[in-house]
Amino acid sequence: MPFGFTLLKQPLPIVAIIGGGPAGLMAAETLAGEGIADIHLFDTMPTVGRKFLLAGKGGLNLTHSEPLERLLDRYGTQREKLAPLVTAFGPQQLRDWAKDLGVDTFIGSSGRIFPTDFKAAPLLRAWLRRLRSQGVRFHLRHNWQGWTNSGDLNFATPSGETGFKADAVILALGGASWPKLGSDAAWAPILDDVGVAITPLRPANCGFDVGWSDHFQTRFAGAPVKSVVASAFGVSRQGEFVVTETGIEGSLIYALGASLRDAIERDGWSELTLDLLPDRDVTAIADALSRPKGSKSFSTHLHRATGLSGAKAGLLRECVPAATFDDSEALALAIKSLPIRLRAPRPVAEAISTAGGVAFDALTDDLMLQAKPGVFCAGEMLDWETITGGYLLTACFALGRTAGLGAAHWLAQR
């Protein structure tokens, strides 16, 4: 090199990741591992991972142990889109990743996978320590407002609006559920304005309104209903749910929720049927009910003949005509196939997750917006849904990783 000349190091391209949930954090880690970018992560909240911590409040269900093909089926209509992503970074890769952070996991009796201490906070703390050690810089209380006229990112902050220039952007802004934690779908009109196709956001993994009588609501709101089989549109699941002030909710309801919600949107109502005694056949129940009750009250007779009491007996009274109780066979049939008419899903802000979002047709295979080259999307803001049980987090991690790899490839091409 000639005397007097200095070789200047080329600055790394800048990547802005907007959203500090699992998808955004995984995108940041994926890019950091590539070592090709200066990574800045923005979040509207004072801390990242708020909804991740909420999901782990009762035990962090990180993923699921069931066979991969069955797990992929949980993604319904978007199975084809998500299958290669989840196959590349699925349950075993997630367990290995957690172990590398110092967090061991175990398989529960239901097949769900949890950290050994069940907690989300230790995993998140270890993850953030590693990201900071990898050079990821965090910008909190930065609410994304879209783009400036010059093409920079525009953020609202406590000290006013500020711009940020990035060579690539990854949006991981969540859906519309739990807006108090930052997932308010304020991004939807911004992307719509630049020509991105967005499927309307709807509640997923949510409760449903029934319209109980005052008497039933007063007596049974908050009561669990255990060991029942729920059926809708030819699909049956066994489990439990909870009676709410307005209707029903819980894991059993979530498992059938998408078809129930879609039917309400189409027809204005939907119907769920319950088998209150799945371990007994209708003939045995009818025979037991037909025995003389003597001086006993009907509630006592029902309990002694069938074991039904509490919320299950209350549901019978609430949902079938009074004359049914005078006919043992008709009552037995009602116990085995009790109709619950649903009026509406609960609002999206109350849902665990959302359906709808950025259409996959608006994205390339590596999740870049076709209408906005250099901008990638990941996580729940995309148009997919699944039930609870570790499936949500599994897909969010896989989508974040894919977007991170996509951004790295985009930068390498440039």
Protein backbone atom coordinates (compact mmCIF):
# COMPACT_ATOMS: atom_id res chain seq x y z
CA MET A 1 0.00 0.00 0.00
CA PRO A 2 1.46 3.42 -0.93
CA PHE A 3 2.79 5.44 2.00
CA GLY A 4 0.21 7.90 3.36
CA PHE A 5 -2.88 5.90 2.35
CA THR A 6 -5.23 4.16 4.82
CA LEU A 7 -7.61 1.31 3.95
CA LEU A 8 -11.08 2.31 5.17
CA LYS A 9 -13.37 -0.40 6.50
CA GLN A 10 -16.69 -0.55 4.69
CA PRO A 11 -19.56 0.08 7.17
CA LEU A 12 -22.02 -2.74 7.61
CA PRO A 13 -25.49 -2.33 6.12
CA ILE A 14 -28.17 -1.38 8.64
CA VAL A 15 -31.18 -3.57 9.34
CA ALA A 16 -34.14 -2.27 11.31
CA ILE A 17 -36.33 -4.88 13.00
CA ILE A 18 -39.62 -3.47 14.24
CA GLY A 19 -41.27 -5.56 16.92
CA GLY A 20 -39.71 -7.23 19.96
CA GLY A 21 -41.77 -10.42 20.17
CA PRO A 22 -40.49 -13.94 19.43
CA ALA A 23 -40.50 -13.42 15.64
CA GLY A 24 -38.61 -10.13 15.79
CA LEU A 25 -36.08 -11.39 18.33
CA MET A 26 -35.47 -14.54 16.30
CA ALA A 27 -34.99 -12.47 13.15
CA ALA A 28 -32.41 -10.40 15.04
CA GLU A 29 -30.57 -13.48 16.27
CA THR A 30 -30.56 -15.04 12.82
CA LEU A 31 -29.07 -11.91 11.26
CA ALA A 32 -26.58 -11.49 14.10
CA GLY A 33 -25.38 -15.02 13.45
CA GLU A 34 -24.68 -14.10 9.84
CA GLY A 35 -22.45 -11.22 10.96
CA ILE A 36 -23.24 -9.08 7.93
CA ALA A 37 -25.36 -6.24 9.32
CA ASP A 38 -25.66 -3.59 11.98
CA ILE A 39 -28.93 -4.62 13.68
CA HIS A 40 -31.33 -2.22 15.38
CA LEU A 41 -34.49 -3.54 17.04
CA PHE A 42 -37.38 -1.15 17.75
CA ASP A 43 -40.40 -1.72 19.98
CA THR A 44 -43.26 0.51 21.04
CA MET A 45 -43.24 -0.77 24.63
CA PRO A 46 -40.76 0.06 27.43
CA THR A 47 -39.49 -3.55 27.32
CA VAL A 48 -39.53 -6.28 24.69
CA GLY A 49 -41.28 -9.63 24.86
CA ARG A 50 -44.37 -8.44 26.74
CA LYS A 51 -46.78 -10.90 25.09
CA PHE A 52 -44.18 -13.67 25.28
CA LEU A 53 -44.06 -13.20 29.05
CA LEU A 54 -47.86 -13.17 29.22
CA ALA A 55 -48.00 -16.43 27.25
CA GLY A 56 -45.72 -17.98 29.86
CA LYS A 57 -47.68 -16.75 32.86
CA GLY A 58 -49.25 -20.16 33.45
CA GLY A 59 -46.24 -22.05 32.09
CA LEU A 60 -44.41 -21.32 28.85
CA ASN A 61 -45.67 -23.80 26.27
CA LEU A 62 -42.75 -23.43 23.89
CA THR A 63 -43.66 -26.07 21.31
CA HIS A 64 -45.19 -29.56 20.94
CA SER A 65 -43.77 -33.06 20.68
CA GLU A 66 -46.29 -34.68 18.34
CA PRO A 67 -45.07 -36.12 15.00
CA LEU A 68 -44.08 -33.41 12.55
CA GLU A 69 -46.70 -34.22 9.91
CA ARG A 70 -49.48 -34.00 12.48
CA LEU A 71 -48.01 -30.79 13.88
CA LEU A 72 -47.95 -29.27 10.41
CA ASP A 73 -51.62 -30.14 9.98
CA ARG A 74 -52.36 -27.74 12.86
CA TYR A 75 -51.72 -24.84 10.46
CA GLY A 76 -54.83 -25.58 8.44
CA THR A 77 -55.20 -23.68 5.21
CA GLN A 78 -51.64 -22.29 5.44
CA ARG A 79 -49.99 -25.67 5.99
CA GLU A 80 -48.32 -25.57 2.57
CA LYS A 81 -46.79 -22.15 3.24
CA LEU A 82 -45.60 -22.88 6.78
CA ALA A 83 -44.47 -26.49 6.33
CA PRO A 84 -40.98 -25.81 4.90
CA LEU A 85 -40.34 -23.07 7.46
CA VAL A 86 -41.38 -25.16 10.47
CA THR A 87 -39.61 -28.22 9.09
CA ALA A 88 -36.37 -26.22 8.92
CA PHE A 89 -36.77 -24.85 12.46
CA GLY A 90 -39.29 -26.92 14.37
CA PRO A 91 -39.75 -28.45 17.82
CA GLN A 92 -36.39 -30.21 18.14
CA GLN A 93 -34.48 -27.18 16.85
CA LEU A 94 -36.36 -25.02 19.34
CA ARG A 95 -35.45 -27.34 22.20
CA ASP A 96 -31.80 -27.30 21.13
CA TRP A 97 -31.89 -23.51 20.86
CA ALA A 98 -33.35 -23.17 24.37
CA LYS A 99 -30.74 -25.56 25.76
CA ASP A 100 -28.01 -23.45 24.19
CA LEU A 101 -29.42 -20.53 26.18
CA GLY A 102 -29.11 -22.63 29.33
CA VAL A 103 -32.81 -23.55 29.51
CA ASP A 104 -33.68 -27.25 29.62
CA THR A 105 -37.11 -28.42 28.47
CA PHE A 106 -39.36 -31.41 29.08
CA ILE A 107 -42.38 -33.04 27.46
CA GLY A 108 -45.55 -32.84 29.54
CA SER A 109 -48.24 -35.49 29.75
CA SER A 110 -50.21 -33.73 26.98
CA GLY A 111 -47.22 -33.74 24.64
CA ARG A 112 -46.61 -30.04 25.14
CA ILE A 113 -43.03 -28.90 25.69
CA PHE A 114 -42.12 -26.54 28.55
CA PRO A 115 -38.98 -25.17 30.19
CA THR A 116 -38.19 -27.29 33.24
CA ASP A 117 -39.11 -24.39 35.53
CA PHE A 118 -42.17 -23.54 33.37
CA LYS A 119 -41.13 -19.87 33.31
CA ALA A 120 -40.70 -17.52 30.35
CA ALA A 121 -38.68 -14.79 32.09
CA PRO A 122 -35.37 -16.69 32.54
CA LEU A 123 -35.37 -17.73 28.88
CA LEU A 124 -36.12 -14.19 27.72
CA ARG A 125 -33.39 -12.71 29.96
CA ALA A 126 -30.80 -15.16 28.64
CA TRP A 127 -31.91 -14.48 25.09
CA LEU A 128 -31.61 -10.71 25.44
CA ARG A 129 -28.17 -11.03 27.03
CA ARG A 130 -27.00 -13.04 24.02
CA LEU A 131 -28.52 -10.61 21.51
CA ARG A 132 -26.81 -7.65 23.20
CA SER A 133 -23.52 -9.53 23.25
CA GLN A 134 -23.96 -10.08 19.50
CA GLY A 135 -24.26 -6.33 18.98
CA VAL A 136 -28.02 -5.98 18.55
CA ARG A 137 -29.09 -2.49 19.64
CA PHE A 138 -32.51 -1.90 21.18
CA HIS A 139 -34.63 1.22 20.78
CA LEU A 140 -37.66 1.16 23.08
CA ARG A 141 -40.76 3.37 23.18
CA HIS A 142 -40.46 3.76 19.41
CA ASN A 143 -43.87 3.52 17.76
CA TRP A 144 -43.58 2.94 14.02
CA GLN A 145 -45.59 5.41 11.93
CA GLY A 146 -44.60 4.28 8.44
CA TRP A 147 -42.16 5.95 6.06
CA THR A 148 -41.16 9.56 5.57
CA ASN A 149 -41.31 11.21 2.15
CA SER A 150 -37.61 10.44 1.74
CA GLY A 151 -38.16 6.76 2.48
CA ASP A 152 -36.79 6.67 6.01
CA LEU A 153 -38.62 4.87 8.80
CA ASN A 154 -40.68 7.25 10.92
CA PHE A 155 -41.10 6.67 14.66
CA ALA A 156 -43.07 8.46 17.34
CA THR A 157 -41.07 8.62 20.55
CA PRO A 158 -41.53 10.34 23.92
CA SER A 159 -39.28 13.14 22.67
CA GLY A 160 -41.07 13.54 19.33
CA GLU A 161 -40.94 12.03 15.86
CA THR A 162 -37.65 10.70 14.57
CA GLY A 163 -36.46 9.15 11.34
CA PHE A 164 -34.20 6.15 10.81
CA LYS A 165 -32.51 5.07 7.60
CA ALA A 166 -32.13 1.33 7.03
CA ASP A 167 -30.89 -0.83 4.18
CA ALA A 168 -33.40 -3.57 5.02
CA VAL A 169 -36.41 -3.74 7.33
CA ILE A 170 -38.11 -6.65 9.09
CA LEU A 171 -41.62 -6.02 10.39
CA ALA A 172 -42.67 -8.32 13.23
CA LEU A 173 -45.51 -6.26 14.66
CA GLY A 174 -47.93 -8.94 15.84
CA GLY A 175 -51.64 -9.19 15.17
CA ALA A 176 -54.44 -7.31 16.89
CA SER A 177 -54.90 -9.28 20.10
CA TRP A 178 -53.81 -7.82 23.43
CA PRO A 179 -53.31 -4.27 22.12
CA LYS A 180 -52.24 -3.10 25.59
CA LEU A 181 -49.07 -5.11 25.06
CA GLY A 182 -48.35 -3.47 21.72
CA SER A 183 -50.12 -5.72 19.20
CA ASP A 184 -52.73 -3.28 17.94
CA ALA A 185 -52.47 -3.81 14.14
CA ALA A 186 -51.78 -0.10 13.58
CA TRP A 187 -49.49 -1.34 10.80
CA ALA A 188 -52.42 -2.54 8.66
CA PRO A 189 -53.44 0.82 7.12
CA ILE A 190 -49.78 1.76 6.64
CA LEU A 191 -49.11 -1.33 4.55
CA ASP A 192 -52.45 -1.07 2.79
CA ASP A 193 -51.48 2.43 1.62
CA VAL A 194 -48.40 1.06 -0.14
CA GLY A 195 -50.34 -1.68 -1.94
CA VAL A 196 -49.86 -4.67 0.36
CA ALA A 197 -52.76 -7.15 0.32
CA ILE A 198 -54.11 -7.67 3.83
CA THR A 199 -56.74 -10.20 4.88
CA PRO A 200 -59.07 -8.71 7.54
CA LEU A 201 -57.93 -9.45 11.07
CA ARG A 202 -60.26 -11.64 13.12
CA PRO A 203 -60.14 -13.20 16.58
CA ALA A 204 -58.59 -16.65 16.96
CA ASN A 205 -58.33 -18.78 20.09
CA CYS A 206 -61.16 -16.79 21.59
CA GLY A 207 -64.36 -17.27 23.56
CA PHE A 208 -67.86 -17.02 22.15
CA ASP A 209 -71.02 -15.24 23.27
CA VAL A 210 -74.07 -17.38 23.96
CA GLY A 211 -76.48 -15.06 25.75
CA TRP A 212 -77.16 -16.85 29.03
CA SER A 213 -80.22 -16.25 31.14
CA ASP A 214 -79.62 -14.06 34.18
CA HIS A 215 -80.14 -17.06 36.45
CA PHE A 216 -77.57 -19.25 34.70
CA GLN A 217 -75.05 -16.42 34.39
CA THR A 218 -75.31 -15.54 38.08
CA ARG A 219 -74.90 -19.14 39.24
CA PHE A 220 -72.29 -20.49 36.86
CA ALA A 221 -70.13 -17.72 35.38
CA GLY A 222 -66.54 -18.80 35.98
CA ALA A 223 -67.43 -22.48 36.48
CA PRO A 224 -65.30 -25.11 34.71
CA VAL A 225 -66.94 -27.81 32.61
CA LYS A 226 -64.63 -30.82 32.53
CA SER A 227 -64.39 -34.12 30.69
CA VAL A 228 -66.76 -33.40 27.82
CA VAL A 229 -66.62 -33.93 24.08
CA ALA A 230 -67.41 -30.93 21.90
CA SER A 231 -68.36 -31.33 18.24
CA ALA A 232 -68.85 -28.97 15.31
CA PHE A 233 -68.91 -29.56 11.56
CA GLY A 234 -67.93 -33.21 11.84
CA VAL A 235 -64.95 -32.63 14.14
CA SER A 236 -64.95 -33.72 17.80
CA ARG A 237 -62.51 -32.92 20.59
CA GLN A 238 -62.42 -33.96 24.24
CA GLY A 239 -61.38 -31.60 26.99
CA GLU A 240 -62.75 -28.83 29.15
CA PHE A 241 -63.90 -25.24 28.98
CA VAL A 242 -65.15 -22.46 31.24
CA VAL A 243 -68.55 -20.80 31.45
CA THR A 244 -68.14 -17.02 31.21
CA GLU A 245 -70.57 -14.19 31.88
CA THR A 246 -71.34 -13.96 28.18
CA GLY A 247 -70.71 -17.51 26.93
CA ILE A 248 -67.89 -20.05 26.81
CA GLU A 249 -64.12 -20.12 26.42
CA GLY A 250 -61.14 -22.39 26.98
CA SER A 251 -58.81 -24.79 25.20
CA LEU A 252 -61.60 -27.12 24.04
CA ILE A 253 -63.46 -24.19 22.46
CA TYR A 254 -60.27 -22.87 20.85
CA ALA A 255 -59.70 -26.24 19.18
CA LEU A 256 -62.94 -25.81 17.20
CA GLY A 257 -62.96 -22.02 17.17
CA ALA A 258 -61.97 -21.29 13.56
CA SER A 259 -64.87 -23.23 12.03
CA LEU A 260 -67.31 -21.82 14.60
CA ARG A 261 -66.15 -18.25 13.90
CA ASP A 262 -66.32 -18.73 10.14
CA ALA A 263 -69.87 -20.12 10.39
CA ILE A 264 -71.00 -17.11 12.42
CA GLU A 265 -69.53 -14.78 9.81
CA ARG A 266 -71.33 -16.70 7.09
CA ASP A 267 -74.69 -17.48 8.75
CA GLY A 268 -74.95 -15.11 11.71
CA TRP A 269 -74.79 -17.97 14.23
CA SER A 270 -73.17 -21.32 14.85
CA GLU A 271 -73.84 -24.40 16.96
CA LEU A 272 -71.60 -26.50 19.16
CA THR A 273 -72.82 -29.82 20.57
CA LEU A 274 -71.61 -31.27 23.85
CA ASP A 275 -71.46 -34.84 25.06
CA LEU A 276 -71.65 -34.29 28.80
CA LEU A 277 -71.00 -37.98 29.60
CA PRO A 278 -68.58 -39.28 26.94
CA ASP A 279 -67.82 -42.47 28.90
CA ARG A 280 -71.45 -43.65 29.02
CA ASP A 281 -73.75 -44.65 26.19
CA VAL A 282 -77.18 -43.19 25.66
CA THR A 283 -79.06 -46.42 26.47
CA ALA A 284 -77.41 -46.79 29.88
CA ILE A 285 -78.14 -43.15 30.67
CA ALA A 286 -81.79 -43.48 29.63
CA ASP A 287 -82.20 -46.64 31.74
CA ALA A 288 -80.74 -44.92 34.79
CA LEU A 289 -82.97 -41.87 34.32
CA SER A 290 -86.11 -44.02 33.91
CA ARG A 291 -85.86 -45.48 37.38
CA PRO A 292 -88.38 -44.08 39.88
CA LYS A 293 -87.07 -41.03 41.69
CA GLY A 294 -89.48 -41.38 44.61
CA SER A 295 -89.52 -38.37 46.87
CA LYS A 296 -86.16 -37.10 45.67
CA SER A 297 -85.93 -33.79 43.80
CA PHE A 298 -85.18 -34.08 40.11
CA SER A 299 -81.74 -32.52 40.64
CA THR A 300 -80.90 -35.23 43.16
CA HIS A 301 -82.30 -37.92 40.87
CA LEU A 302 -80.27 -36.58 37.93
CA HIS A 303 -77.11 -36.56 39.99
CA ARG A 304 -77.61 -40.09 41.35
CA ALA A 305 -78.58 -41.50 37.97
CA THR A 306 -75.92 -39.80 35.85
CA GLY A 307 -73.45 -37.99 38.11
CA LEU A 308 -74.37 -34.65 36.53
CA SER A 309 -74.44 -31.62 38.80
CA GLY A 310 -73.24 -28.04 38.92
CA ALA A 311 -72.53 -26.37 35.59
CA LYS A 312 -73.24 -29.51 33.54
CA ALA A 313 -76.71 -29.87 35.05
CA GLY A 314 -77.19 -26.11 34.67
CA LEU A 315 -76.36 -26.33 30.96
CA LEU A 316 -79.06 -28.97 30.54
CA ARG A 317 -81.62 -26.71 32.16
CA GLU A 318 -80.44 -23.74 30.12
CA CYS A 319 -80.31 -25.35 26.69
CA VAL A 320 -83.14 -27.87 26.35
CA PRO A 321 -86.93 -27.40 26.66
CA ALA A 322 -88.49 -28.13 30.04
CA ALA A 323 -90.61 -30.93 28.55
CA THR A 324 -87.43 -32.89 27.79
CA PHE A 325 -86.97 -33.60 31.48
CA ASP A 326 -90.18 -35.66 31.50
CA ASP A 327 -88.84 -38.04 28.86
CA SER A 328 -85.89 -40.24 29.93
CA GLU A 329 -84.85 -41.10 26.38
CA ALA A 330 -85.06 -37.50 25.16
CA LEU A 331 -83.07 -36.29 28.15
CA ALA A 332 -80.43 -38.96 27.61
CA LEU A 333 -80.08 -37.84 23.99
CA ALA A 334 -79.72 -34.23 25.15
CA ILE A 335 -77.00 -35.23 27.61
CA LYS A 336 -75.11 -36.95 24.78
CA SER A 337 -75.68 -34.17 22.23
CA LEU A 338 -76.45 -30.89 23.96
CA PRO A 339 -76.79 -27.98 21.48
CA ILE A 340 -75.11 -24.69 22.41
CA ARG A 341 -76.01 -21.87 20.01
CA LEU A 342 -73.22 -19.33 19.59
CA ARG A 343 -73.98 -15.73 18.67
CA ALA A 344 -70.58 -14.11 18.16
CA PRO A 345 -66.87 -14.54 18.85
CA ARG A 346 -65.47 -12.32 21.55
CA PRO A 347 -63.69 -9.14 20.35
CA VAL A 348 -60.28 -9.52 18.76
CA ALA A 349 -58.65 -7.50 21.57
CA GLU A 350 -59.58 -10.31 23.99
CA ALA A 351 -58.35 -13.14 21.78
CA ILE A 352 -55.16 -15.05 22.39
CA SER A 353 -54.20 -14.60 18.75
CA THR A 354 -55.58 -13.38 15.44
CA ALA A 355 -56.38 -14.77 12.02
CA GLY A 356 -55.79 -12.69 8.92
CA GLY A 357 -53.00 -10.23 8.19
CA VAL A 358 -50.47 -9.79 5.42
CA ALA A 359 -51.42 -12.22 2.64
CA PHE A 360 -48.77 -14.76 1.68
CA ASP A 361 -49.43 -13.87 -1.96
CA ALA A 362 -48.05 -10.41 -1.13
CA LEU A 363 -44.72 -11.98 -0.09
CA THR A 364 -41.84 -13.74 -1.76
CA ASP A 365 -40.81 -17.17 -0.47
CA ASP A 366 -38.36 -15.54 1.93
CA LEU A 367 -41.12 -13.23 3.27
CA MET A 368 -40.18 -10.00 1.47
CA LEU A 369 -43.03 -7.69 0.48
CA GLN A 370 -43.37 -7.68 -3.28
CA ALA A 371 -44.71 -4.12 -3.12
CA LYS A 372 -41.84 -2.94 -0.93
CA PRO A 373 -38.48 -4.55 -1.82
CA GLY A 374 -36.14 -4.83 1.14
CA VAL A 375 -39.03 -4.99 3.65
CA PHE A 376 -39.78 -8.38 5.20
CA CYS A 377 -42.64 -9.53 7.43
CA ALA A 378 -42.73 -12.19 10.14
CA GLY A 379 -44.81 -13.60 12.94
CA GLU A 380 -48.45 -13.18 13.76
CA MET A 381 -48.96 -10.23 11.42
CA LEU A 382 -49.04 -12.71 8.52
CA ASP A 383 -52.26 -14.41 7.42
CA TRP A 384 -52.21 -17.71 9.32
CA GLU A 385 -53.73 -19.13 12.47
CA THR A 386 -53.51 -22.19 14.66
CA ILE A 387 -54.70 -23.44 18.01
CA THR A 388 -52.84 -23.05 21.28
CA GLY A 389 -50.51 -25.80 22.43
CA GLY A 390 -47.09 -24.49 21.38
CA TYR A 391 -48.05 -24.22 17.72
CA LEU A 392 -48.28 -20.42 17.75
CA LEU A 393 -44.79 -19.91 19.16
CA THR A 394 -43.30 -22.62 16.94
CA ALA A 395 -44.49 -20.84 13.79
CA CYS A 396 -43.50 -17.39 15.07
CA PHE A 397 -39.93 -18.55 15.70
CA ALA A 398 -39.78 -20.23 12.28
CA LEU A 399 -41.17 -17.16 10.51
CA GLY A 400 -38.72 -14.86 12.29
CA ARG A 401 -35.81 -17.06 11.30
CA THR A 402 -36.99 -17.13 7.68
CA ALA A 403 -37.32 -13.35 7.53
CA GLY A 404 -33.85 -12.97 9.03
CA LEU A 405 -32.33 -15.28 6.44
CA GLY A 406 -34.30 -13.50 3.72
CA ALA A 407 -32.92 -10.13 4.77
CA ALA A 408 -29.38 -11.54 4.86
CA HIS A 409 -29.80 -12.89 1.33
CA TRP A 410 -31.23 -9.58 0.15
CA LEU A 411 -28.25 -7.67 1.55
CA ALA A 412 -25.76 -10.14 0.07
CA GLN A 413 -27.32 -9.69 -3.38
CA ARG A 414 -26.97 -5.92 -3.08
